[in-house]
Amino acid sequence: MTGVSDVISFDETCVVLETEQGVLTVKGKDMHVGRLSLEEGEVDMEGEIESIVYSGHGAGKKGSMLKRMFR
C-alpha cells in the first residue's frame, strides 16, 4: 500500500494505519507487516484479510483512497 504516514497499531488480527486521507483498519488472520517505509509512505502486509475499514478525512483531495492504495 502507498500513502501511509504511520502505523498506529498492529497484531496478528488487526493492522491500523494512518494514511494521507484518514485511518485504515485491516482485520484478518495471521496479519504481518513486512516492509515499512514511512519516508516513502509504503507498507507491505501479508495475511488473510477479512475486512478493510476506512475512516476518511479530506476525501477527494488526491483521488480515491482505494485507487491510490492498490496501484
PDB file of N, CA and C in Angstrom:
ATOM      1  N   MET A   1       0.827  -1.174   0.000  1.00  0.00           N
ATOM      2  CA  MET A   1       0.000   0.000   0.000  1.00  0.00           C
ATOM      3  C   MET A   1       0.873   1.240   0.000  1.00  0.00           C
ATOM      4  N   THR A   2       0.356   2.298  -0.540  1.00  0.00           N
ATOM      5  CA  THR A   2       1.063   3.570  -0.540  1.00  0.00           C
ATOM      6  C   THR A   2       0.209   4.620   0.162  1.00  0.00           C
ATOM      7  N   GLY A   3       0.802   5.751   0.478  1.00  0.00           N
ATOM      8  CA  GLY A   3       0.088   6.832   1.145  1.00  0.00           C
ATOM      9  C   GLY A   3       0.032   6.682   2.651  1.00  0.00           C
ATOM     10  N   VAL A   4       0.859   5.807   3.218  1.00  0.00           N
ATOM     11  CA  VAL A   4       0.851   5.540   4.656  1.00  0.00           C
ATOM     12  C   VAL A   4       1.792   6.514   5.361  1.00  0.00           C
ATOM     13  N   SER A   5       1.286   7.177   6.410  1.00  0.00           N
ATOM     14  CA  SER A   5       2.131   8.108   7.156  1.00  0.00           C
ATOM     15  C   SER A   5       2.545   7.567   8.519  1.00  0.00           C
ATOM     16  N   ASP A   6       1.817   6.555   9.054  1.00  0.00           N
ATOM     17  CA  ASP A   6       2.177   5.993  10.358  1.00  0.00           C
ATOM     18  C   ASP A   6       1.443   4.678  10.564  1.00  0.00           C
ATOM     19  N   VAL A   7       2.039   3.786  11.347  1.00  0.00           N
ATOM     20  CA  VAL A   7       1.374   2.570  11.791  1.00  0.00           C
ATOM     21  C   VAL A   7       0.930   2.834  13.218  1.00  0.00           C
ATOM     22  N   ILE A   8      -0.381   2.901  13.430  1.00  0.00           N
ATOM     23  CA  ILE A   8      -0.915   3.198  14.759  1.00  0.00           C
ATOM     24  C   ILE A   8      -0.800   1.978  15.660  1.00  0.00           C
ATOM     25  N   SER A   9      -1.192   0.817  15.154  1.00  0.00           N
ATOM     26  CA  SER A   9      -1.060  -0.419  15.926  1.00  0.00           C
ATOM     27  C   SER A   9      -1.140  -1.613  14.978  1.00  0.00           C
ATOM     28  N   PHE A  10      -0.617  -2.737  15.446  1.00  0.00           N
ATOM     29  CA  PHE A  10      -0.747  -3.970  14.671  1.00  0.00           C
ATOM     30  C   PHE A  10      -0.547  -5.170  15.570  1.00  0.00           C
ATOM     31  N   ASP A  11      -1.249  -6.242  15.239  1.00  0.00           N
ATOM     32  CA  ASP A  11      -1.049  -7.556  15.841  1.00  0.00           C
ATOM     33  C   ASP A  11      -1.482  -8.585  14.797  1.00  0.00           C
ATOM     34  N   GLU A  12      -1.652  -9.833  15.194  1.00  0.00           N
ATOM     35  CA  GLU A  12      -1.952 -10.889  14.217  1.00  0.00           C
ATOM     36  C   GLU A  12      -3.365 -10.809  13.647  1.00  0.00           C
ATOM     37  N   THR A  13      -4.240  -9.995  14.250  1.00  0.00           N
ATOM     38  CA  THR A  13      -5.623  -9.916  13.776  1.00  0.00           C
ATOM     39  C   THR A  13      -6.016  -8.547  13.237  1.00  0.00           C
ATOM     40  N   CYS A  14      -5.197  -7.514  13.461  1.00  0.00           N
ATOM     41  CA  CYS A  14      -5.599  -6.167  13.065  1.00  0.00           C
ATOM     42  C   CYS A  14      -4.383  -5.265  12.845  1.00  0.00           C
ATOM     43  N   VAL A  15      -4.413  -4.512  11.744  1.00  0.00           N
ATOM     44  CA  VAL A  15      -3.391  -3.513  11.456  1.00  0.00           C
ATOM     45  C   VAL A  15      -4.112  -2.179  11.252  1.00  0.00           C
ATOM     46  N   VAL A  16      -3.718  -1.147  12.021  1.00  0.00           N
ATOM     47  CA  VAL A  16      -4.338   0.170  11.920  1.00  0.00           C
ATOM     48  C   VAL A  16      -3.286   1.147  11.404  1.00  0.00           C
ATOM     49  N   LEU A  17      -3.585   1.777  10.254  1.00  0.00           N
ATOM     50  CA  LEU A  17      -2.640   2.663   9.587  1.00  0.00           C
ATOM     51  C   LEU A  17      -3.201   4.072   9.484  1.00  0.00           C
ATOM     52  N   GLU A  18      -2.357   5.071   9.713  1.00  0.00           N
ATOM     53  CA  GLU A  18      -2.698   6.461   9.433  1.00  0.00           C
ATOM     54  C   GLU A  18      -2.238   6.724   8.006  1.00  0.00           C
ATOM     55  N   THR A  19      -3.160   7.186   7.167  1.00  0.00           N
ATOM     56  CA  THR A  19      -2.816   7.468   5.781  1.00  0.00           C
ATOM     57  C   THR A  19      -2.951   8.960   5.522  1.00  0.00           C
ATOM     58  N   GLU A  20      -2.597   9.374   4.323  1.00  0.00           N
ATOM     59  CA  GLU A  20      -2.700  10.781   3.947  1.00  0.00           C
ATOM     60  C   GLU A  20      -4.135  11.277   3.997  1.00  0.00           C
ATOM     61  N   GLN A  21      -5.110  10.354   3.874  1.00  0.00           N
ATOM     62  CA  GLN A  21      -6.508  10.760   3.801  1.00  0.00           C
ATOM     63  C   GLN A  21      -7.379  10.190   4.909  1.00  0.00           C
ATOM     64  N   GLY A  22      -6.797   9.588   5.938  1.00  0.00           N
ATOM     65  CA  GLY A  22      -7.593   9.061   7.044  1.00  0.00           C
ATOM     66  C   GLY A  22      -6.985   7.806   7.640  1.00  0.00           C
ATOM     67  N   VAL A  23      -7.775   7.142   8.486  1.00  0.00           N
ATOM     68  CA  VAL A  23      -7.324   5.935   9.184  1.00  0.00           C
ATOM     69  C   VAL A  23      -7.868   4.711   8.456  1.00  0.00           C
ATOM     70  N   LEU A  24      -6.991   3.738   8.232  1.00  0.00           N
ATOM     71  CA  LEU A  24      -7.345   2.499   7.563  1.00  0.00           C
ATOM     72  C   LEU A  24      -7.122   1.347   8.534  1.00  0.00           C
ATOM     73  N   THR A  25      -8.178   0.554   8.775  1.00  0.00           N
ATOM     74  CA  THR A  25      -8.093  -0.606   9.657  1.00  0.00           C
ATOM     75  C   THR A  25      -8.275  -1.859   8.816  1.00  0.00           C
ATOM     76  N   VAL A  26      -7.275  -2.743   8.874  1.00  0.00           N
ATOM     77  CA  VAL A  26      -7.314  -4.003   8.129  1.00  0.00           C
ATOM     78  C   VAL A  26      -7.377  -5.126   9.152  1.00  0.00           C
ATOM     79  N   LYS A  27      -8.467  -5.923   9.104  1.00  0.00           N
ATOM     80  CA  LYS A  27      -8.632  -7.038  10.041  1.00  0.00           C
ATOM     81  C   LYS A  27      -8.537  -8.351   9.296  1.00  0.00           C
ATOM     82  N   GLY A  28      -8.012  -9.369   9.994  1.00  0.00           N
ATOM     83  CA  GLY A  28      -7.869 -10.671   9.377  1.00  0.00           C
ATOM     84  C   GLY A  28      -7.207 -11.667  10.297  1.00  0.00           C
ATOM     85  N   LYS A  29      -6.560 -12.646   9.684  1.00  0.00           N
ATOM     86  CA  LYS A  29      -5.869 -13.699  10.412  1.00  0.00           C
ATOM     87  C   LYS A  29      -4.414 -13.734   9.965  1.00  0.00           C
ATOM     88  N   ASP A  30      -3.533 -14.037  10.897  1.00  0.00           N
ATOM     89  CA  ASP A  30      -2.095 -14.163  10.609  1.00  0.00           C
ATOM     90  C   ASP A  30      -1.547 -12.933   9.894  1.00  0.00           C
ATOM     91  N   MET A  31      -1.960 -11.748  10.328  1.00  0.00           N
ATOM     92  CA  MET A  31      -1.521 -10.497   9.717  1.00  0.00           C
ATOM     93  C   MET A  31      -0.078 -10.203  10.125  1.00  0.00           C
ATOM     94  N   HIS A  32       0.724  -9.812   9.149  1.00  0.00           N
ATOM     95  CA  HIS A  32       2.123  -9.462   9.387  1.00  0.00           C
ATOM     96  C   HIS A  32       2.463  -8.220   8.568  1.00  0.00           C
ATOM     97  N   VAL A  33       3.169  -7.290   9.191  1.00  0.00           N
ATOM     98  CA  VAL A  33       3.681  -6.131   8.471  1.00  0.00           C
ATOM     99  C   VAL A  33       5.083  -6.496   8.024  1.00  0.00           C
ATOM    100  N   GLY A  34       5.281  -6.554   6.708  1.00  0.00           N
ATOM    101  CA  GLY A  34       6.584  -6.913   6.157  1.00  0.00           C
ATOM    102  C   GLY A  34       7.483  -5.697   6.084  1.00  0.00           C
ATOM    103  N   ARG A  35       7.518  -5.084   4.946  1.00  0.00           N
ATOM    104  CA  ARG A  35       8.348  -3.906   4.720  1.00  0.00           C
ATOM    105  C   ARG A  35       7.557  -2.660   5.081  1.00  0.00           C
ATOM    106  N   LEU A  36       8.203  -1.737   5.795  1.00  0.00           N
ATOM    107  CA  LEU A  36       7.590  -0.468   6.170  1.00  0.00           C
ATOM    108  C   LEU A  36       8.572   0.649   5.864  1.00  0.00           C
ATOM    109  N   SER A  37       8.135   1.607   5.051  1.00  0.00           N
ATOM    110  CA  SER A  37       8.952   2.769   4.739  1.00  0.00           C
ATOM    111  C   SER A  37       8.083   4.012   4.879  1.00  0.00           C
ATOM    112  N   LEU A  38       8.148   4.649   6.035  1.00  0.00           N
ATOM    113  CA  LEU A  38       7.358   5.850   6.258  1.00  0.00           C
ATOM    114  C   LEU A  38       7.874   7.014   5.414  1.00  0.00           C
ATOM    115  N   GLU A  39       9.172   7.008   5.102  1.00  0.00           N
ATOM    116  CA  GLU A  39       9.727   8.050   4.246  1.00  0.00           C
ATOM    117  C   GLU A  39       9.087   8.021   2.870  1.00  0.00           C
ATOM    118  N   GLU A  40       8.833   6.814   2.351  1.00  0.00           N
ATOM    119  CA  GLU A  40       8.210   6.654   1.041  1.00  0.00           C
ATOM    120  C   GLU A  40       6.700   6.487   1.144  1.00  0.00           C
ATOM    121  N   GLY A  41       6.180   6.343   2.372  1.00  0.00           N
ATOM    122  CA  GLY A  41       4.744   6.168   2.567  1.00  0.00           C
ATOM    123  C   GLY A  41       4.235   4.816   2.134  1.00  0.00           C
ATOM    124  N   GLU A  42       5.066   3.771   2.258  1.00  0.00           N
ATOM    125  CA  GLU A  42       4.703   2.442   1.777  1.00  0.00           C
ATOM    126  C   GLU A  42       4.765   1.399   2.886  1.00  0.00           C
ATOM    127  N   VAL A  43       3.852   0.435   2.805  1.00  0.00           N
ATOM    128  CA  VAL A  43       3.860  -0.692   3.727  1.00  0.00           C
ATOM    129  C   VAL A  43       3.415  -1.938   2.959  1.00  0.00           C
ATOM    130  N   ASP A  44       4.062  -3.061   3.245  1.00  0.00           N
ATOM    131  CA  ASP A  44       3.679  -4.357   2.697  1.00  0.00           C
ATOM    132  C   ASP A  44       3.123  -5.192   3.839  1.00  0.00           C
ATOM    133  N   MET A  45       1.946  -5.776   3.619  1.00  0.00           N
ATOM    134  CA  MET A  45       1.318  -6.624   4.633  1.00  0.00           C
ATOM    135  C   MET A  45       1.005  -7.977   4.031  1.00  0.00           C
ATOM    136  N   GLU A  46       0.999  -8.991   4.893  1.00  0.00           N
ATOM    137  CA  GLU A  46       0.628 -10.341   4.484  1.00  0.00           C
ATOM    138  C   GLU A  46      -0.384 -10.874   5.474  1.00  0.00           C
ATOM    139  N   GLY A  47      -1.209 -11.799   5.023  1.00  0.00           N
ATOM    140  CA  GLY A  47      -2.190 -12.435   5.887  1.00  0.00           C
ATOM    141  C   GLY A  47      -3.504 -12.622   5.157  1.00  0.00           C
ATOM    142  N   GLU A  48      -4.453 -13.209   5.852  1.00  0.00           N
ATOM    143  CA  GLU A  48      -5.787 -13.423   5.307  1.00  0.00           C
ATOM    144  C   GLU A  48      -6.661 -12.242   5.702  1.00  0.00           C
ATOM    145  N   ILE A  49      -6.978 -11.383   4.743  1.00  0.00           N
ATOM    146  CA  ILE A  49      -7.748 -10.178   5.025  1.00  0.00           C
ATOM    147  C   ILE A  49      -9.231 -10.522   5.055  1.00  0.00           C
ATOM    148  N   GLU A  50      -9.889 -10.124   6.157  1.00  0.00           N
ATOM    149  CA  GLU A  50     -11.325 -10.355   6.306  1.00  0.00           C
ATOM    150  C   GLU A  50     -12.122  -9.067   6.123  1.00  0.00           C
ATOM    151  N   SER A  51     -11.543  -7.922   6.493  1.00  0.00           N
ATOM    152  CA  SER A  51     -12.249  -6.653   6.301  1.00  0.00           C
ATOM    153  C   SER A  51     -11.265  -5.497   6.240  1.00  0.00           C
ATOM    154  N   ILE A  52     -11.690  -4.457   5.515  1.00  0.00           N
ATOM    155  CA  ILE A  52     -10.939  -3.210   5.433  1.00  0.00           C
ATOM    156  C   ILE A  52     -11.928  -2.088   5.749  1.00  0.00           C
ATOM    157  N   VAL A  53     -11.616  -1.296   6.776  1.00  0.00           N
ATOM    158  CA  VAL A  53     -12.486  -0.188   7.171  1.00  0.00           C
ATOM    159  C   VAL A  53     -11.691   1.095   7.060  1.00  0.00           C
ATOM    160  N   TYR A  54     -12.267   2.056   6.349  1.00  0.00           N
ATOM    161  CA  TYR A  54     -11.596   3.328   6.105  1.00  0.00           C
ATOM    162  C   TYR A  54     -12.401   4.455   6.746  1.00  0.00           C
ATOM    163  N   SER A  55     -11.761   5.244   7.586  1.00  0.00           N
ATOM    164  CA  SER A  55     -12.373   6.421   8.199  1.00  0.00           C
ATOM    165  C   SER A  55     -11.647   7.630   7.641  1.00  0.00           C
ATOM    166  N   GLY A  56     -12.222   8.247   6.630  1.00  0.00           N
ATOM    167  CA  GLY A  56     -11.520   9.291   5.900  1.00  0.00           C
ATOM    168  C   GLY A  56     -11.739  10.687   6.427  1.00  0.00           C
ATOM    169  N   HIS A  57     -10.785  11.519   6.128  1.00  0.00           N
ATOM    170  CA  HIS A  57     -10.890  12.963   6.309  1.00  0.00           C
ATOM    171  C   HIS A  57     -10.261  13.588   5.079  1.00  0.00           C
ATOM    172  N   GLY A  58     -10.885  14.583   4.523  1.00  0.00           N
ATOM    173  CA  GLY A  58     -10.340  15.231   3.331  1.00  0.00           C
ATOM    174  C   GLY A  58     -10.508  14.405   2.073  1.00  0.00           C
ATOM    175  N   ALA A  59     -11.575  13.635   1.987  1.00  0.00           N
ATOM    176  CA  ALA A  59     -11.806  12.799   0.802  1.00  0.00           C
ATOM    177  C   ALA A  59     -11.846  13.657  -0.453  1.00  0.00           C
ATOM    178  N   GLY A  60     -11.268  13.140  -1.507  1.00  0.00           N
ATOM    179  CA  GLY A  60     -11.288  13.823  -2.788  1.00  0.00           C
ATOM    180  C   GLY A  60     -10.087  14.721  -3.038  1.00  0.00           C
ATOM    181  N   LYS A  61      -9.237  14.918  -2.038  1.00  0.00           N
ATOM    182  CA  LYS A  61      -8.076  15.794  -2.220  1.00  0.00           C
ATOM    183  C   LYS A  61      -7.116  15.260  -3.270  1.00  0.00           C
ATOM    184  N   LYS A  62      -6.796  13.983  -3.191  1.00  0.00           N
ATOM    185  CA  LYS A  62      -5.793  13.403  -4.081  1.00  0.00           C
ATOM    186  C   LYS A  62      -6.313  12.162  -4.791  1.00  0.00           C
ATOM    187  N   GLY A  63      -7.617  12.053  -4.976  1.00  0.00           N
ATOM    188  CA  GLY A  63      -8.179  10.895  -5.655  1.00  0.00           C
ATOM    189  C   GLY A  63      -8.652   9.847  -4.677  1.00  0.00           C
ATOM    190  N   SER A  64      -9.204   8.801  -5.204  1.00  0.00           N
ATOM    191  CA  SER A  64      -9.754   7.719  -4.404  1.00  0.00           C
ATOM    192  C   SER A  64      -8.670   7.041  -3.570  1.00  0.00           C
ATOM    193  N   MET A  65      -8.980   6.851  -2.281  1.00  0.00           N
ATOM    194  CA  MET A  65      -8.029   6.202  -1.366  1.00  0.00           C
ATOM    195  C   MET A  65      -7.724   4.777  -1.834  1.00  0.00           C
ATOM    196  N   LEU A  66      -8.749   4.004  -2.160  1.00  0.00           N
ATOM    197  CA  LEU A  66      -8.509   2.627  -2.579  1.00  0.00           C
ATOM    198  C   LEU A  66      -7.736   2.585  -3.891  1.00  0.00           C
ATOM    199  N   LYS A  67      -8.003   3.492  -4.803  1.00  0.00           N
ATOM    200  CA  LYS A  67      -7.267   3.550  -6.071  1.00  0.00           C
ATOM    201  C   LYS A  67      -5.782   3.798  -5.812  1.00  0.00           C
ATOM    202  N   ARG A  68      -5.481   4.731  -4.877  1.00  0.00           N
ATOM    203  CA  ARG A  68      -4.085   5.061  -4.558  1.00  0.00           C
ATOM    204  C   ARG A  68      -3.390   3.894  -3.832  1.00  0.00           C
ATOM    205  N   MET A  69      -4.123   3.184  -2.954  1.00  0.00           N
ATOM    206  CA  MET A  69      -3.512   2.100  -2.187  1.00  0.00           C
ATOM    207  C   MET A  69      -3.079   0.939  -3.067  1.00  0.00           C
ATOM    208  N   PHE A  70      -3.907   0.589  -4.033  1.00  0.00           N
ATOM    209  CA  PHE A  70      -3.681  -0.627  -4.799  1.00  0.00           C
ATOM    210  C   PHE A  70      -3.237  -0.346  -6.231  1.00  0.00           C
ATOM    211  N   ARG A  71      -2.373   0.634  -6.425  1.00  0.00           N
ATOM    212  CA  ARG A  71      -1.901   0.903  -7.784  1.00  0.00           C
ATOM    213  C   ARG A  71      -0.829  -0.056  -8.188  1.00  0.00           C
TER     214      ARG A  71
END
